[in-house]
Amino acid sequence: MTDTPGRIALRILLRVVLAAAVGAALLLLWVSVFTEGTLDRALEGTSMGEFLLIVVVGLPLALVSSVLLAGPVLWLLRVRPVWPIVLLGPLLFGLAQWFGVHDKLSWLGDRWTVLAVLAALAYAVAALITSPAALKR
């Protein structure tokens, strides 16, 4: 079976949609941990040195665990290659936050909704620009 342009476009669209869903799901998972109070209980009564240690160790740990969670999920969903998405998605999300894109999207809803949409967009863009079919052309 040959790859027609329509078939290639459908594969790229599926890759983008699945990556966006995984990106949003990861952010919503972290939001549930944050709002549930797990993080508050861990930080309660900590000194400034302990807090800095948690930030220095906790943020990279969260990023690594996100990569380790997103990779297998995307792989199970038959998205190939996975590694560009799981590496570039969080980077694009961080850059979008750095440049204040979430403030410009505040009309979408509350803070967590905007961040979930932003994570979905970051992972979707990462999937689109690293799509093997798109890179071949």
C-alpha atoms as a PDB file:
ATOM      1  CA  MET A   1       0.000   0.000   0.000  1.00  0.00           C
ATOM      2  CA  THR A   2       1.492   3.343  -0.994  1.00  0.00           C
ATOM      3  CA  ASP A   3       1.410   6.423   1.122  1.00  0.00           C
ATOM      4  CA  THR A   4      -0.871   8.943  -0.499  1.00  0.00           C
ATOM      5  CA  PRO A   5      -0.767  12.593   0.570  1.00  0.00           C
ATOM      6  CA  GLY A   6      -4.098  12.182   2.353  1.00  0.00           C
ATOM      7  CA  ARG A   7      -2.837   9.170   4.279  1.00  0.00           C
ATOM      8  CA  ILE A   8       0.341  10.997   5.296  1.00  0.00           C
ATOM      9  CA  ALA A   9      -1.687  14.001   6.438  1.00  0.00           C
ATOM     10  CA  LEU A  10      -3.956  11.750   8.491  1.00  0.00           C
ATOM     11  CA  ARG A  11      -0.942  10.112  10.183  1.00  0.00           C
ATOM     12  CA  ILE A  12       0.531  13.512  11.015  1.00  0.00           C
ATOM     13  CA  LEU A  13      -2.825  14.736  12.353  1.00  0.00           C
ATOM     14  CA  LEU A  14      -3.165  11.647  14.540  1.00  0.00           C
ATOM     15  CA  ARG A  15       0.391  12.148  15.829  1.00  0.00           C
ATOM     16  CA  VAL A  16      -0.365  15.773  16.690  1.00  0.00           C
ATOM     17  CA  VAL A  17      -3.694  15.025  18.401  1.00  0.00           C
ATOM     18  CA  LEU A  18      -2.286  12.152  20.476  1.00  0.00           C
ATOM     19  CA  ALA A  19       0.719  14.220  21.560  1.00  0.00           C
ATOM     20  CA  ALA A  20      -1.576  17.103  22.538  1.00  0.00           C
ATOM     21  CA  ALA A  21      -3.753  14.769  24.608  1.00  0.00           C
ATOM     22  CA  VAL A  22      -0.731  13.320  26.410  1.00  0.00           C
ATOM     23  CA  GLY A  23       0.681  16.799  27.080  1.00  0.00           C
ATOM     24  CA  ALA A  24      -2.584  18.049  28.552  1.00  0.00           C
ATOM     25  CA  ALA A  25      -3.023  14.866  30.584  1.00  0.00           C
ATOM     26  CA  LEU A  26       0.463  15.213  32.055  1.00  0.00           C
ATOM     27  CA  LEU A  27      -0.206  18.778  33.093  1.00  0.00           C
ATOM     28  CA  LEU A  28      -3.558  17.840  34.612  1.00  0.00           C
ATOM     29  CA  LEU A  29      -1.812  15.050  36.537  1.00  0.00           C
ATOM     30  CA  TRP A  30       0.660  17.541  37.991  1.00  0.00           C
ATOM     31  CA  VAL A  31      -2.180  19.960  38.751  1.00  0.00           C
ATOM     32  CA  SER A  32      -4.014  17.259  40.704  1.00  0.00           C
ATOM     33  CA  VAL A  33      -0.879  16.565  42.750  1.00  0.00           C
ATOM     34  CA  PHE A  34      -0.471  20.284  43.387  1.00  0.00           C
ATOM     35  CA  THR A  35      -4.091  21.060  44.276  1.00  0.00           C
ATOM     36  CA  GLU A  36      -4.635  17.874  46.273  1.00  0.00           C
ATOM     37  CA  GLY A  37      -2.299  19.193  48.916  1.00  0.00           C
ATOM     38  CA  THR A  38       0.456  16.597  48.532  1.00  0.00           C
ATOM     39  CA  LEU A  39       2.947  19.319  47.693  1.00  0.00           C
ATOM     40  CA  ASP A  40       1.641  21.584  50.460  1.00  0.00           C
ATOM     41  CA  ARG A  41       2.114  18.820  53.031  1.00  0.00           C
ATOM     42  CA  ALA A  42       5.647  18.200  51.801  1.00  0.00           C
ATOM     43  CA  LEU A  43       6.538  21.895  51.984  1.00  0.00           C
ATOM     44  CA  GLU A  44       4.761  22.645  55.257  1.00  0.00           C
ATOM     45  CA  GLY A  45       7.211  23.667  57.951  1.00  0.00           C
ATOM     46  CA  THR A  46      10.266  23.556  55.721  1.00  0.00           C
ATOM     47  CA  SER A  47      13.084  26.030  56.107  1.00  0.00           C
ATOM     48  CA  MET A  48      14.333  28.134  53.218  1.00  0.00           C
ATOM     49  CA  GLY A  49      17.261  25.751  52.650  1.00  0.00           C
ATOM     50  CA  GLU A  50      14.926  22.746  52.497  1.00  0.00           C
ATOM     51  CA  PHE A  51      12.620  24.642  50.157  1.00  0.00           C
ATOM     52  CA  LEU A  52      15.494  25.468  47.791  1.00  0.00           C
ATOM     53  CA  LEU A  53      16.575  21.835  47.887  1.00  0.00           C
ATOM     54  CA  ILE A  54      13.054  20.755  46.957  1.00  0.00           C
ATOM     55  CA  VAL A  55      13.010  23.255  44.071  1.00  0.00           C
ATOM     56  CA  VAL A  56      16.482  22.293  42.844  1.00  0.00           C
ATOM     57  CA  VAL A  57      15.753  18.568  43.106  1.00  0.00           C
ATOM     58  CA  GLY A  58      11.970  18.571  42.661  1.00  0.00           C
ATOM     59  CA  LEU A  59      11.659  20.497  39.407  1.00  0.00           C
ATOM     60  CA  PRO A  60      14.189  18.379  37.491  1.00  0.00           C
ATOM     61  CA  LEU A  61      12.607  15.282  39.010  1.00  0.00           C
ATOM     62  CA  ALA A  62       9.185  16.424  37.770  1.00  0.00           C
ATOM     63  CA  LEU A  63      10.569  17.033  34.287  1.00  0.00           C
ATOM     64  CA  VAL A  64      12.322  13.660  34.153  1.00  0.00           C
ATOM     65  CA  SER A  65       9.252  11.846  35.446  1.00  0.00           C
ATOM     66  CA  SER A  66       7.106  13.648  32.839  1.00  0.00           C
ATOM     67  CA  VAL A  67       9.459  12.484  30.103  1.00  0.00           C
ATOM     68  CA  LEU A  68       9.430   8.961  31.513  1.00  0.00           C
ATOM     69  CA  LEU A  69       5.626   8.958  31.647  1.00  0.00           C
ATOM     70  CA  ALA A  70       4.976  10.576  28.266  1.00  0.00           C
ATOM     71  CA  GLY A  71       7.410   8.401  26.336  1.00  0.00           C
ATOM     72  CA  PRO A  72       5.853   5.005  27.039  1.00  0.00           C
ATOM     73  CA  VAL A  73       2.303   6.363  26.708  1.00  0.00           C
ATOM     74  CA  LEU A  74       3.019   7.833  23.284  1.00  0.00           C
ATOM     75  CA  TRP A  75       4.854   4.666  22.291  1.00  0.00           C
ATOM     76  CA  LEU A  76       1.839   2.548  23.309  1.00  0.00           C
ATOM     77  CA  LEU A  77      -0.328   4.865  21.216  1.00  0.00           C
ATOM     78  CA  ARG A  78       1.964   4.015  18.251  1.00  0.00           C
ATOM     79  CA  VAL A  79       3.440   7.477  17.918  1.00  0.00           C
ATOM     80  CA  ARG A  80       6.925   7.128  16.456  1.00  0.00           C
ATOM     81  CA  PRO A  81       9.519   8.535  17.069  1.00  0.00           C
ATOM     82  CA  VAL A  82       8.676   9.503  20.620  1.00  0.00           C
ATOM     83  CA  TRP A  83      11.869  11.075  21.900  1.00  0.00           C
ATOM     84  CA  PRO A  84      11.635  14.370  19.972  1.00  0.00           C
ATOM     85  CA  ILE A  85       8.163  15.002  21.357  1.00  0.00           C
ATOM     86  CA  VAL A  86       8.978  14.207  24.981  1.00  0.00           C
ATOM     87  CA  LEU A  87      12.101  16.367  24.872  1.00  0.00           C
ATOM     88  CA  LEU A  88      10.796  19.279  22.831  1.00  0.00           C
ATOM     89  CA  GLY A  89       7.268  19.430  24.313  1.00  0.00           C
ATOM     90  CA  PRO A  90       8.311  20.501  27.840  1.00  0.00           C
ATOM     91  CA  LEU A  91      10.871  22.896  26.364  1.00  0.00           C
ATOM     92  CA  LEU A  92       8.227  24.606  24.224  1.00  0.00           C
ATOM     93  CA  PHE A  93       5.871  24.689  27.223  1.00  0.00           C
ATOM     94  CA  GLY A  94       8.555  26.325  29.356  1.00  0.00           C
ATOM     95  CA  LEU A  95       9.347  28.872  26.644  1.00  0.00           C
ATOM     96  CA  ALA A  96       5.657  29.711  26.272  1.00  0.00           C
ATOM     97  CA  GLN A  97       5.430  30.325  30.003  1.00  0.00           C
ATOM     98  CA  TRP A  98       8.636  32.362  29.988  1.00  0.00           C
ATOM     99  CA  PHE A  99       7.235  34.658  27.301  1.00  0.00           C
ATOM    100  CA  GLY A 100       3.870  35.002  29.070  1.00  0.00           C
ATOM    101  CA  VAL A 101       1.692  33.233  26.522  1.00  0.00           C
ATOM    102  CA  HIS A 102      -0.510  31.952  29.359  1.00  0.00           C
ATOM    103  CA  ASP A 103      -1.415  35.559  30.235  1.00  0.00           C
ATOM    104  CA  LYS A 104      -2.506  36.217  26.660  1.00  0.00           C
ATOM    105  CA  LEU A 105      -4.730  33.106  26.754  1.00  0.00           C
ATOM    106  CA  SER A 106      -6.402  33.982  30.061  1.00  0.00           C
ATOM    107  CA  TRP A 107      -9.716  34.511  28.245  1.00  0.00           C
ATOM    108  CA  LEU A 108      -9.935  30.688  27.855  1.00  0.00           C
ATOM    109  CA  GLY A 109     -10.703  30.099  31.513  1.00  0.00           C
ATOM    110  CA  ASP A 110      -9.005  29.672  34.841  1.00  0.00           C
ATOM    111  CA  ARG A 111      -5.254  29.246  35.309  1.00  0.00           C
ATOM    112  CA  TRP A 112      -5.214  25.448  35.123  1.00  0.00           C
ATOM    113  CA  THR A 113      -7.351  25.331  31.982  1.00  0.00           C
ATOM    114  CA  VAL A 114      -5.049  27.768  30.238  1.00  0.00           C
ATOM    115  CA  LEU A 115      -1.963  25.790  31.288  1.00  0.00           C
ATOM    116  CA  ALA A 116      -3.532  22.529  30.074  1.00  0.00           C
ATOM    117  CA  VAL A 117      -4.305  24.121  26.701  1.00  0.00           C
ATOM    118  CA  LEU A 118      -0.785  25.522  26.554  1.00  0.00           C
ATOM    119  CA  ALA A 119       0.730  22.098  27.348  1.00  0.00           C
ATOM    120  CA  ALA A 120      -1.429  20.494  24.681  1.00  0.00           C
ATOM    121  CA  LEU A 121      -0.320  23.111  22.154  1.00  0.00           C
ATOM    122  CA  ALA A 122       3.348  22.673  23.082  1.00  0.00           C
ATOM    123  CA  TYR A 123       3.244  18.899  22.667  1.00  0.00           C
ATOM    124  CA  ALA A 124       1.203  19.233  19.462  1.00  0.00           C
ATOM    125  CA  VAL A 125       3.693  21.666  17.929  1.00  0.00           C
ATOM    126  CA  ALA A 126       6.558  19.399  18.991  1.00  0.00           C
ATOM    127  CA  ALA A 127       4.837  16.461  17.293  1.00  0.00           C
ATOM    128  CA  LEU A 128       4.143  18.463  14.149  1.00  0.00           C
ATOM    129  CA  ILE A 129       7.605  19.884  13.620  1.00  0.00           C
ATOM    130  CA  THR A 130       9.324  16.572  14.377  1.00  0.00           C
ATOM    131  CA  SER A 131       7.021  14.432  12.257  1.00  0.00           C
ATOM    132  CA  PRO A 132       9.116  12.102  10.074  1.00  0.00           C
ATOM    133  CA  ALA A 133       6.716  12.473   7.142  1.00  0.00           C
ATOM    134  CA  ALA A 134       6.922  16.249   7.318  1.00  0.00           C
ATOM    135  CA  LEU A 135      10.706  16.165   7.577  1.00  0.00           C
ATOM    136  CA  LYS A 136      11.056  14.016   4.441  1.00  0.00           C
ATOM    137  CA  ARG A 137       9.429  16.633   2.208  1.00  0.00           C
END
